[in-house]
Amino acid sequence: MIKRHEDQLWARLDQLYANGTTYISYGELYHWYDVQRIAKAPWRDIRARWEQLLEEKGEKYLDPQIAEVHGGISFFFSRKPGQLADLAS
């Protein structure tokens, strides 16, 4: 991965940490990792970087939630996840 793509990925992970959500398109994954098929390696790399970010912040590892959406993956992170039904009751 070249430096500018690495910086873009770190920016997304910072966004996930700061705002609780981010989005990475499949096109970006193909481009950043220079692959023909998205296998386990990119996901493992993203997970390792996420783990590093949390470690730098002094937090225990929490796996972000993901949702496949049109054209990519949305990531969600919450220290205290809940449900809408809890707020409505």
PDB file of N, CA and C in Angstrom:
ATOM      1  N   MET A   1       0.851  -1.171   0.000  1.00  0.00           N
ATOM      2  CA  MET A   1       0.000   0.000   0.000  1.00  0.00           C
ATOM      3  C   MET A   1       0.899   1.237   0.000  1.00  0.00           C
ATOM      4  N   ILE A   2       0.584   2.159  -0.882  1.00  0.00           N
ATOM      5  CA  ILE A   2       1.403   3.368  -0.932  1.00  0.00           C
ATOM      6  C   ILE A   2       0.965   4.353   0.160  1.00  0.00           C
ATOM      7  N   LYS A   3       1.839   5.278   0.461  1.00  0.00           N
ATOM      8  CA  LYS A   3       1.678   6.179   1.611  1.00  0.00           C
ATOM      9  C   LYS A   3       0.349   6.948   1.584  1.00  0.00           C
ATOM     10  N   ARG A   4      -0.020   7.512   0.463  1.00  0.00           N
ATOM     11  CA  ARG A   4      -1.247   8.321   0.435  1.00  0.00           C
ATOM     12  C   ARG A   4      -2.491   7.477   0.684  1.00  0.00           C
ATOM     13  N   HIS A   5      -2.475   6.210   0.231  1.00  0.00           N
ATOM     14  CA  HIS A   5      -3.612   5.325   0.490  1.00  0.00           C
ATOM     15  C   HIS A   5      -3.641   4.918   1.958  1.00  0.00           C
ATOM     16  N   GLU A   6      -2.480   4.704   2.516  1.00  0.00           N
ATOM     17  CA  GLU A   6      -2.391   4.403   3.940  1.00  0.00           C
ATOM     18  C   GLU A   6      -2.945   5.569   4.762  1.00  0.00           C
ATOM     19  N   ASP A   7      -2.599   6.786   4.360  1.00  0.00           N
ATOM     20  CA  ASP A   7      -3.111   7.972   5.052  1.00  0.00           C
ATOM     21  C   ASP A   7      -4.636   8.064   4.945  1.00  0.00           C
ATOM     22  N   GLN A   8      -5.168   7.725   3.773  1.00  0.00           N
ATOM     23  CA  GLN A   8      -6.625   7.761   3.586  1.00  0.00           C
ATOM     24  C   GLN A   8      -7.311   6.734   4.485  1.00  0.00           C
ATOM     25  N   LEU A   9      -6.735   5.540   4.578  1.00  0.00           N
ATOM     26  CA  LEU A   9      -7.302   4.514   5.439  1.00  0.00           C
ATOM     27  C   LEU A   9      -7.256   4.939   6.901  1.00  0.00           C
ATOM     28  N   TRP A  10      -6.108   5.494   7.336  1.00  0.00           N
ATOM     29  CA  TRP A  10      -6.008   5.964   8.721  1.00  0.00           C
ATOM     30  C   TRP A  10      -7.034   7.066   8.995  1.00  0.00           C
ATOM     31  N   ALA A  11      -7.271   7.927   8.013  1.00  0.00           N
ATOM     32  CA  ALA A  11      -8.272   8.990   8.187  1.00  0.00           C
ATOM     33  C   ALA A  11      -9.663   8.395   8.395  1.00  0.00           C
ATOM     34  N   ARG A  12      -9.992   7.318   7.665  1.00  0.00           N
ATOM     35  CA  ARG A  12     -11.293   6.666   7.842  1.00  0.00           C
ATOM     36  C   ARG A  12     -11.405   6.048   9.227  1.00  0.00           C
ATOM     37  N   LEU A  13     -10.312   5.429   9.694  1.00  0.00           N
ATOM     38  CA  LEU A  13     -10.350   4.816  11.023  1.00  0.00           C
ATOM     39  C   LEU A  13     -10.448   5.888  12.107  1.00  0.00           C
ATOM     40  N   ASP A  14      -9.787   7.019  11.901  1.00  0.00           N
ATOM     41  CA  ASP A  14      -9.937   8.144  12.835  1.00  0.00           C
ATOM     42  C   ASP A  14     -11.381   8.645  12.847  1.00  0.00           C
ATOM     43  N   GLN A  15     -11.988   8.699  11.670  1.00  0.00           N
ATOM     44  CA  GLN A  15     -13.388   9.117  11.557  1.00  0.00           C
ATOM     45  C   GLN A  15     -14.296   8.131  12.296  1.00  0.00           C
ATOM     46  N   LEU A  16     -14.024   6.848  12.152  1.00  0.00           N
ATOM     47  CA  LEU A  16     -14.797   5.825  12.855  1.00  0.00           C
ATOM     48  C   LEU A  16     -14.685   6.017  14.360  1.00  0.00           C
ATOM     49  N   TYR A  17     -13.486   6.275  14.838  1.00  0.00           N
ATOM     50  CA  TYR A  17     -13.274   6.464  16.268  1.00  0.00           C
ATOM     51  C   TYR A  17     -13.958   7.739  16.771  1.00  0.00           C
ATOM     52  N   ALA A  18     -13.791   8.822  16.040  1.00  0.00           N
ATOM     53  CA  ALA A  18     -14.303  10.119  16.485  1.00  0.00           C
ATOM     54  C   ALA A  18     -15.815  10.256  16.332  1.00  0.00           C
ATOM     55  N   ASN A  19     -16.367   9.723  15.238  1.00  0.00           N
ATOM     56  CA  ASN A  19     -17.780   9.943  14.927  1.00  0.00           C
ATOM     57  C   ASN A  19     -18.649   8.706  15.073  1.00  0.00           C
ATOM     58  N   GLY A  20     -18.021   7.550  15.215  1.00  0.00           N
ATOM     59  CA  GLY A  20     -18.780   6.315  15.372  1.00  0.00           C
ATOM     60  C   GLY A  20     -19.185   5.648  14.082  1.00  0.00           C
ATOM     61  N   THR A  21     -18.868   6.256  12.947  1.00  0.00           N
ATOM     62  CA  THR A  21     -19.227   5.654  11.666  1.00  0.00           C
ATOM     63  C   THR A  21     -18.263   6.109  10.567  1.00  0.00           C
ATOM     64  N   THR A  22     -18.084   5.236   9.597  1.00  0.00           N
ATOM     65  CA  THR A  22     -17.340   5.579   8.392  1.00  0.00           C
ATOM     66  C   THR A  22     -17.761   4.623   7.286  1.00  0.00           C
ATOM     67  N   TYR A  23     -17.355   4.918   6.078  1.00  0.00           N
ATOM     68  CA  TYR A  23     -17.700   4.112   4.908  1.00  0.00           C
ATOM     69  C   TYR A  23     -16.459   3.933   4.054  1.00  0.00           C
ATOM     70  N   ILE A  24     -16.233   2.714   3.584  1.00  0.00           N
ATOM     71  CA  ILE A  24     -15.148   2.433   2.644  1.00  0.00           C
ATOM     72  C   ILE A  24     -15.758   1.700   1.458  1.00  0.00           C
ATOM     73  N   SER A  25     -15.576   2.254   0.276  1.00  0.00           N
ATOM     74  CA  SER A  25     -16.145   1.624  -0.915  1.00  0.00           C
ATOM     75  C   SER A  25     -15.265   0.454  -1.361  1.00  0.00           C
ATOM     76  N   TYR A  26     -15.886  -0.476  -2.074  1.00  0.00           N
ATOM     77  CA  TYR A  26     -15.109  -1.590  -2.620  1.00  0.00           C
ATOM     78  C   TYR A  26     -14.060  -1.080  -3.596  1.00  0.00           C
ATOM     79  N   GLY A  27     -14.405  -0.053  -4.359  1.00  0.00           N
ATOM     80  CA  GLY A  27     -13.439   0.528  -5.296  1.00  0.00           C
ATOM     81  C   GLY A  27     -12.189   1.023  -4.583  1.00  0.00           C
ATOM     82  N   GLU A  28     -12.388   1.659  -3.425  1.00  0.00           N
ATOM     83  CA  GLU A  28     -11.238   2.116  -2.646  1.00  0.00           C
ATOM     84  C   GLU A  28     -10.398   0.937  -2.169  1.00  0.00           C
ATOM     85  N   LEU A  29     -11.050  -0.118  -1.699  1.00  0.00           N
ATOM     86  CA  LEU A  29     -10.303  -1.292  -1.238  1.00  0.00           C
ATOM     87  C   LEU A  29      -9.468  -1.899  -2.354  1.00  0.00           C
ATOM     88  N   TYR A  30     -10.062  -2.061  -3.541  1.00  0.00           N
ATOM     89  CA  TYR A  30      -9.307  -2.587  -4.684  1.00  0.00           C
ATOM     90  C   TYR A  30      -8.125  -1.675  -5.002  1.00  0.00           C
ATOM     91  N   HIS A  31      -8.375  -0.394  -5.001  1.00  0.00           N
ATOM     92  CA  HIS A  31      -7.348   0.592  -5.347  1.00  0.00           C
ATOM     93  C   HIS A  31      -6.252   0.668  -4.280  1.00  0.00           C
ATOM     94  N   TRP A  32      -6.636   0.805  -3.026  1.00  0.00           N
ATOM     95  CA  TRP A  32      -5.668   0.957  -1.947  1.00  0.00           C
ATOM     96  C   TRP A  32      -4.782  -0.273  -1.798  1.00  0.00           C
ATOM     97  N   TYR A  33      -5.394  -1.452  -1.861  1.00  0.00           N
ATOM     98  CA  TYR A  33      -4.637  -2.687  -1.630  1.00  0.00           C
ATOM     99  C   TYR A  33      -4.090  -3.291  -2.924  1.00  0.00           C
ATOM    100  N   ASP A  34      -4.413  -2.691  -4.064  1.00  0.00           N
ATOM    101  CA  ASP A  34      -3.931  -3.152  -5.367  1.00  0.00           C
ATOM    102  C   ASP A  34      -4.173  -4.652  -5.542  1.00  0.00           C
ATOM    103  N   VAL A  35      -5.440  -5.042  -5.399  1.00  0.00           N
ATOM    104  CA  VAL A  35      -5.826  -6.441  -5.517  1.00  0.00           C
ATOM    105  C   VAL A  35      -6.891  -6.607  -6.593  1.00  0.00           C
ATOM    106  N   GLN A  36      -6.996  -7.821  -7.113  1.00  0.00           N
ATOM    107  CA  GLN A  36      -8.027  -8.156  -8.090  1.00  0.00           C
ATOM    108  C   GLN A  36      -9.275  -8.712  -7.411  1.00  0.00           C
ATOM    109  N   ARG A  37      -9.073  -9.232  -6.185  1.00  0.00           N
ATOM    110  CA  ARG A  37     -10.166  -9.814  -5.420  1.00  0.00           C
ATOM    111  C   ARG A  37      -9.958  -9.442  -3.958  1.00  0.00           C
ATOM    112  N   ILE A  38     -11.018  -9.024  -3.301  1.00  0.00           N
ATOM    113  CA  ILE A  38     -10.917  -8.659  -1.889  1.00  0.00           C
ATOM    114  C   ILE A  38     -11.083  -9.936  -1.073  1.00  0.00           C
ATOM    115  N   ALA A  39      -9.959 -10.440  -0.583  1.00  0.00           N
ATOM    116  CA  ALA A  39      -9.959 -11.649   0.243  1.00  0.00           C
ATOM    117  C   ALA A  39      -9.789 -11.242   1.706  1.00  0.00           C
ATOM    118  N   LYS A  40      -9.177 -12.072   2.496  1.00  0.00           N
ATOM    119  CA  LYS A  40      -9.046 -11.798   3.922  1.00  0.00           C
ATOM    120  C   LYS A  40      -7.952 -10.788   4.260  1.00  0.00           C
ATOM    121  N   ALA A  41      -6.928 -10.682   3.433  1.00  0.00           N
ATOM    122  CA  ALA A  41      -5.780  -9.821   3.763  1.00  0.00           C
ATOM    123  C   ALA A  41      -6.173  -8.363   4.028  1.00  0.00           C
ATOM    124  N   PRO A  42      -6.967  -7.712   3.168  1.00  0.00           N
ATOM    125  CA  PRO A  42      -7.345  -6.327   3.471  1.00  0.00           C
ATOM    126  C   PRO A  42      -8.125  -6.199   4.786  1.00  0.00           C
ATOM    127  N   TRP A  43      -9.041  -7.134   5.043  1.00  0.00           N
ATOM    128  CA  TRP A  43      -9.831  -7.077   6.270  1.00  0.00           C
ATOM    129  C   TRP A  43      -8.951  -7.275   7.503  1.00  0.00           C
ATOM    130  N   ARG A  44      -7.994  -8.171   7.385  1.00  0.00           N
ATOM    131  CA  ARG A  44      -7.076  -8.398   8.506  1.00  0.00           C
ATOM    132  C   ARG A  44      -6.218  -7.167   8.764  1.00  0.00           C
ATOM    133  N   ASP A  45      -5.803  -6.500   7.685  1.00  0.00           N
ATOM    134  CA  ASP A  45      -5.002  -5.285   7.829  1.00  0.00           C
ATOM    135  C   ASP A  45      -5.818  -4.179   8.494  1.00  0.00           C
ATOM    136  N   ILE A  46      -7.055  -4.003   8.059  1.00  0.00           N
ATOM    137  CA  ILE A  46      -7.926  -2.976   8.647  1.00  0.00           C
ATOM    138  C   ILE A  46      -8.149  -3.279  10.129  1.00  0.00           C
ATOM    139  N   ARG A  47      -8.377  -4.536  10.448  1.00  0.00           N
ATOM    140  CA  ARG A  47      -8.575  -4.929  11.847  1.00  0.00           C
ATOM    141  C   ARG A  47      -7.333  -4.630  12.685  1.00  0.00           C
ATOM    142  N   ALA A  48      -6.164  -4.946  12.158  1.00  0.00           N
ATOM    143  CA  ALA A  48      -4.917  -4.690  12.888  1.00  0.00           C
ATOM    144  C   ALA A  48      -4.709  -3.194  13.114  1.00  0.00           C
ATOM    145  N   ARG A  49      -5.017  -2.402  12.116  1.00  0.00           N
ATOM    146  CA  ARG A  49      -4.878  -0.939  12.258  1.00  0.00           C
ATOM    147  C   ARG A  49      -5.887  -0.396  13.278  1.00  0.00           C
ATOM    148  N   TRP A  50      -7.103  -0.921  13.243  1.00  0.00           N
ATOM    149  CA  TRP A  50      -8.121  -0.503  14.209  1.00  0.00           C
ATOM    150  C   TRP A  50      -7.666  -0.856  15.627  1.00  0.00           C
ATOM    151  N   GLU A  51      -7.135  -2.044  15.773  1.00  0.00           N
ATOM    152  CA  GLU A  51      -6.637  -2.474  17.079  1.00  0.00           C
ATOM    153  C   GLU A  51      -5.501  -1.558  17.550  1.00  0.00           C
ATOM    154  N   GLN A  52      -4.625  -1.182  16.634  1.00  0.00           N
ATOM    155  CA  GLN A  52      -3.527  -0.263  16.959  1.00  0.00           C
ATOM    156  C   GLN A  52      -4.059   1.096  17.394  1.00  0.00           C
ATOM    157  N   LEU A  53      -5.060   1.602  16.688  1.00  0.00           N
ATOM    158  CA  LEU A  53      -5.638   2.899  17.038  1.00  0.00           C
ATOM    159  C   LEU A  53      -6.218   2.867  18.450  1.00  0.00           C
ATOM    160  N   LEU A  54      -6.984   1.826  18.760  1.00  0.00           N
ATOM    161  CA  LEU A  54      -7.568   1.721  20.099  1.00  0.00           C
ATOM    162  C   LEU A  54      -6.494   1.590  21.172  1.00  0.00           C
ATOM    163  N   GLU A  55      -5.444   0.846  20.863  1.00  0.00           N
ATOM    164  CA  GLU A  55      -4.336   0.692  21.803  1.00  0.00           C
ATOM    165  C   GLU A  55      -3.667   2.034  22.081  1.00  0.00           C
ATOM    166  N   GLU A  56      -3.473   2.830  21.030  1.00  0.00           N
ATOM    167  CA  GLU A  56      -2.880   4.163  21.184  1.00  0.00           C
ATOM    168  C   GLU A  56      -3.764   5.067  22.041  1.00  0.00           C
ATOM    169  N   LYS A  57      -5.071   4.849  21.981  1.00  0.00           N
ATOM    170  CA  LYS A  57      -6.023   5.635  22.776  1.00  0.00           C
ATOM    171  C   LYS A  57      -6.193   5.066  24.184  1.00  0.00           C
ATOM    172  N   GLY A  58      -5.533   3.947  24.466  1.00  0.00           N
ATOM    173  CA  GLY A  58      -5.623   3.337  25.786  1.00  0.00           C
ATOM    174  C   GLY A  58      -6.944   2.628  26.037  1.00  0.00           C
ATOM    175  N   GLU A  59      -7.571   2.167  24.975  1.00  0.00           N
ATOM    176  CA  GLU A  59      -8.860   1.486  25.102  1.00  0.00           C
ATOM    177  C   GLU A  59      -8.718   0.009  24.769  1.00  0.00           C
ATOM    178  N   LYS A  60      -9.571  -0.802  25.380  1.00  0.00           N
ATOM    179  CA  LYS A  60      -9.570  -2.218  25.053  1.00  0.00           C
ATOM    180  C   LYS A  60     -10.185  -2.407  23.669  1.00  0.00           C
ATOM    181  N   TYR A  61      -9.824  -3.520  23.040  1.00  0.00           N
ATOM    182  CA  TYR A  61     -10.313  -3.772  21.689  1.00  0.00           C
ATOM    183  C   TYR A  61     -11.812  -4.052  21.692  1.00  0.00           C
ATOM    184  N   LEU A  62     -12.528  -3.333  20.857  1.00  0.00           N
ATOM    185  CA  LEU A  62     -13.937  -3.585  20.565  1.00  0.00           C
ATOM    186  C   LEU A  62     -14.077  -3.672  19.054  1.00  0.00           C
ATOM    187  N   ASP A  63     -14.615  -4.749  18.588  1.00  0.00           N
ATOM    188  CA  ASP A  63     -14.796  -4.958  17.161  1.00  0.00           C
ATOM    189  C   ASP A  63     -15.898  -4.041  16.647  1.00  0.00           C
ATOM    190  N   PRO A  64     -15.645  -3.264  15.591  1.00  0.00           N
ATOM    191  CA  PRO A  64     -16.721  -2.430  15.062  1.00  0.00           C
ATOM    192  C   PRO A  64     -17.764  -3.298  14.354  1.00  0.00           C
ATOM    193  N   GLN A  65     -18.982  -2.834  14.350  1.00  0.00           N
ATOM    194  CA  GLN A  65     -20.044  -3.482  13.587  1.00  0.00           C
ATOM    195  C   GLN A  65     -19.892  -3.060  12.134  1.00  0.00           C
ATOM    196  N   ILE A  66     -20.322  -3.910  11.218  1.00  0.00           N
ATOM    197  CA  ILE A  66     -20.260  -3.557   9.800  1.00  0.00           C
ATOM    198  C   ILE A  66     -21.597  -3.848   9.139  1.00  0.00           C
ATOM    199  N   ALA A  67     -21.846  -3.156   8.063  1.00  0.00           N
ATOM    200  CA  ALA A  67     -23.031  -3.412   7.247  1.00  0.00           C
ATOM    201  C   ALA A  67     -22.636  -3.235   5.791  1.00  0.00           C
ATOM    202  N   GLU A  68     -22.946  -4.246   4.993  1.00  0.00           N
ATOM    203  CA  GLU A  68     -22.679  -4.123   3.569  1.00  0.00           C
ATOM    204  C   GLU A  68     -23.778  -3.256   2.967  1.00  0.00           C
ATOM    205  N   VAL A  69     -23.362  -2.182   2.334  1.00  0.00           N
ATOM    206  CA  VAL A  69     -24.302  -1.271   1.683  1.00  0.00           C
ATOM    207  C   VAL A  69     -23.893  -1.167   0.223  1.00  0.00           C
ATOM    208  N   HIS A  70     -24.717  -0.542  -0.569  1.00  0.00           N
ATOM    209  CA  HIS A  70     -24.441  -0.455  -2.002  1.00  0.00           C
ATOM    210  C   HIS A  70     -23.026   0.065  -2.255  1.00  0.00           C
ATOM    211  N   GLY A  71     -22.187  -0.764  -2.819  1.00  0.00           N
ATOM    212  CA  GLY A  71     -20.864  -0.332  -3.252  1.00  0.00           C
ATOM    213  C   GLY A  71     -19.779  -0.355  -2.200  1.00  0.00           C
ATOM    214  N   GLY A  72     -20.058  -0.855  -0.996  1.00  0.00           N
ATOM    215  CA  GLY A  72     -19.009  -0.860   0.007  1.00  0.00           C
ATOM    216  C   GLY A  72     -19.482  -1.340   1.367  1.00  0.00           C
ATOM    217  N   ILE A  73     -18.715  -0.960   2.370  1.00  0.00           N
ATOM    218  CA  ILE A  73     -18.976  -1.381   3.739  1.00  0.00           C
ATOM    219  C   ILE A  73     -19.061  -0.157   4.644  1.00  0.00           C
ATOM    220  N   SER A  74     -20.099  -0.106   5.448  1.00  0.00           N
ATOM    221  CA  SER A  74     -20.203   0.911   6.490  1.00  0.00           C
ATOM    222  C   SER A  74     -19.749   0.280   7.803  1.00  0.00           C
ATOM    223  N   PHE A  75     -18.984   1.028   8.565  1.00  0.00           N
ATOM    224  CA  PHE A  75     -18.468   0.584   9.850  1.00  0.00           C
ATOM    225  C   PHE A  75     -19.120   1.431  10.941  1.00  0.00           C
ATOM    226  N   PHE A  76     -19.433   0.783  12.065  1.00  0.00           N
ATOM    227  CA  PHE A  76     -20.052   1.469  13.185  1.00  0.00           C
ATOM    228  C   PHE A  76     -19.318   1.091  14.463  1.00  0.00           C
ATOM    229  N   PHE A  77     -19.059   2.097  15.301  1.00  0.00           N
ATOM    230  CA  PHE A  77     -18.349   1.864  16.550  1.00  0.00           C
ATOM    231  C   PHE A  77     -19.036   2.618  17.666  1.00  0.00           C
ATOM    232  N   SER A  78     -19.339   1.898  18.737  1.00  0.00           N
ATOM    233  CA  SER A  78     -19.940   2.530  19.901  1.00  0.00           C
ATOM    234  C   SER A  78     -19.426   1.837  21.152  1.00  0.00           C
ATOM    235  N   ARG A  79     -19.009   2.647  22.112  1.00  0.00           N
ATOM    236  CA  ARG A  79     -18.559   2.082  23.377  1.00  0.00           C
ATOM    237  C   ARG A  79     -19.727   1.521  24.177  1.00  0.00           C
ATOM    238  N   LYS A  80     -20.911   2.068  23.950  1.00  0.00           N
ATOM    239  CA  LYS A  80     -22.125   1.636  24.665  1.00  0.00           C
ATOM    240  C   LYS A  80     -23.255   1.450  23.642  1.00  0.00           C
ATOM    241  N   PRO A  81     -23.217   0.347  22.884  1.00  0.00           N
ATOM    242  CA  PRO A  81     -24.260   0.166  21.873  1.00  0.00           C
ATOM    243  C   PRO A  81     -25.628  -0.032  22.504  1.00  0.00           C
ATOM    244  N   GLY A  82     -26.619   0.411  21.813  1.00  0.00           N
ATOM    245  CA  GLY A  82     -27.996   0.261  22.268  1.00  0.00           C
ATOM    246  C   GLY A  82     -28.899   0.057  21.060  1.00  0.00           C
ATOM    247  N   GLN A  83     -30.180   0.115  21.315  1.00  0.00           N
ATOM    248  CA  GLN A  83     -31.150  -0.053  20.240  1.00  0.00           C
ATOM    249  C   GLN A  83     -32.171   1.075  20.304  1.00  0.00           C
ATOM    250  N   LEU A  84     -32.740   1.372  19.175  1.00  0.00           N
ATOM    251  CA  LEU A  84     -33.756   2.414  19.086  1.00  0.00           C
ATOM    252  C   LEU A  84     -34.924   2.120  20.031  1.00  0.00           C
ATOM    253  N   ALA A  85     -35.293   0.860  20.127  1.00  0.00           N
ATOM    254  CA  ALA A  85     -36.411   0.492  20.991  1.00  0.00           C
ATOM    255  C   ALA A  85     -36.157   0.913  22.439  1.00  0.00           C
ATOM    256  N   ASP A  86     -34.902   0.883  22.867  1.00  0.00           N
ATOM    257  CA  ASP A  86     -34.573   1.311  24.238  1.00  0.00           C
ATOM    258  C   ASP A  86     -34.848   2.808  24.424  1.00  0.00           C
ATOM    259  N   LEU A  87     -34.574   3.592  23.415  1.00  0.00           N
ATOM    260  CA  LEU A  87     -34.810   5.037  23.506  1.00  0.00           C
ATOM    261  C   LEU A  87     -36.300   5.362  23.448  1.00  0.00           C
ATOM    262  N   ALA A  88     -37.048   4.534  22.739  1.00  0.00           N
ATOM    263  CA  ALA A  88     -38.467   4.790  22.533  1.00  0.00           C
ATOM    264  C   ALA A  88     -39.338   4.316  23.696  1.00  0.00           C
ATOM    265  N   SER A  89     -38.768   3.490  24.541  1.00  0.00           N
ATOM    266  CA  SER A  89     -39.609   2.951  25.625  1.00  0.00           C
ATOM    267  C   SER A  89     -39.559   3.823  26.868  1.00  0.00           C
TER     268      SER A  89
END
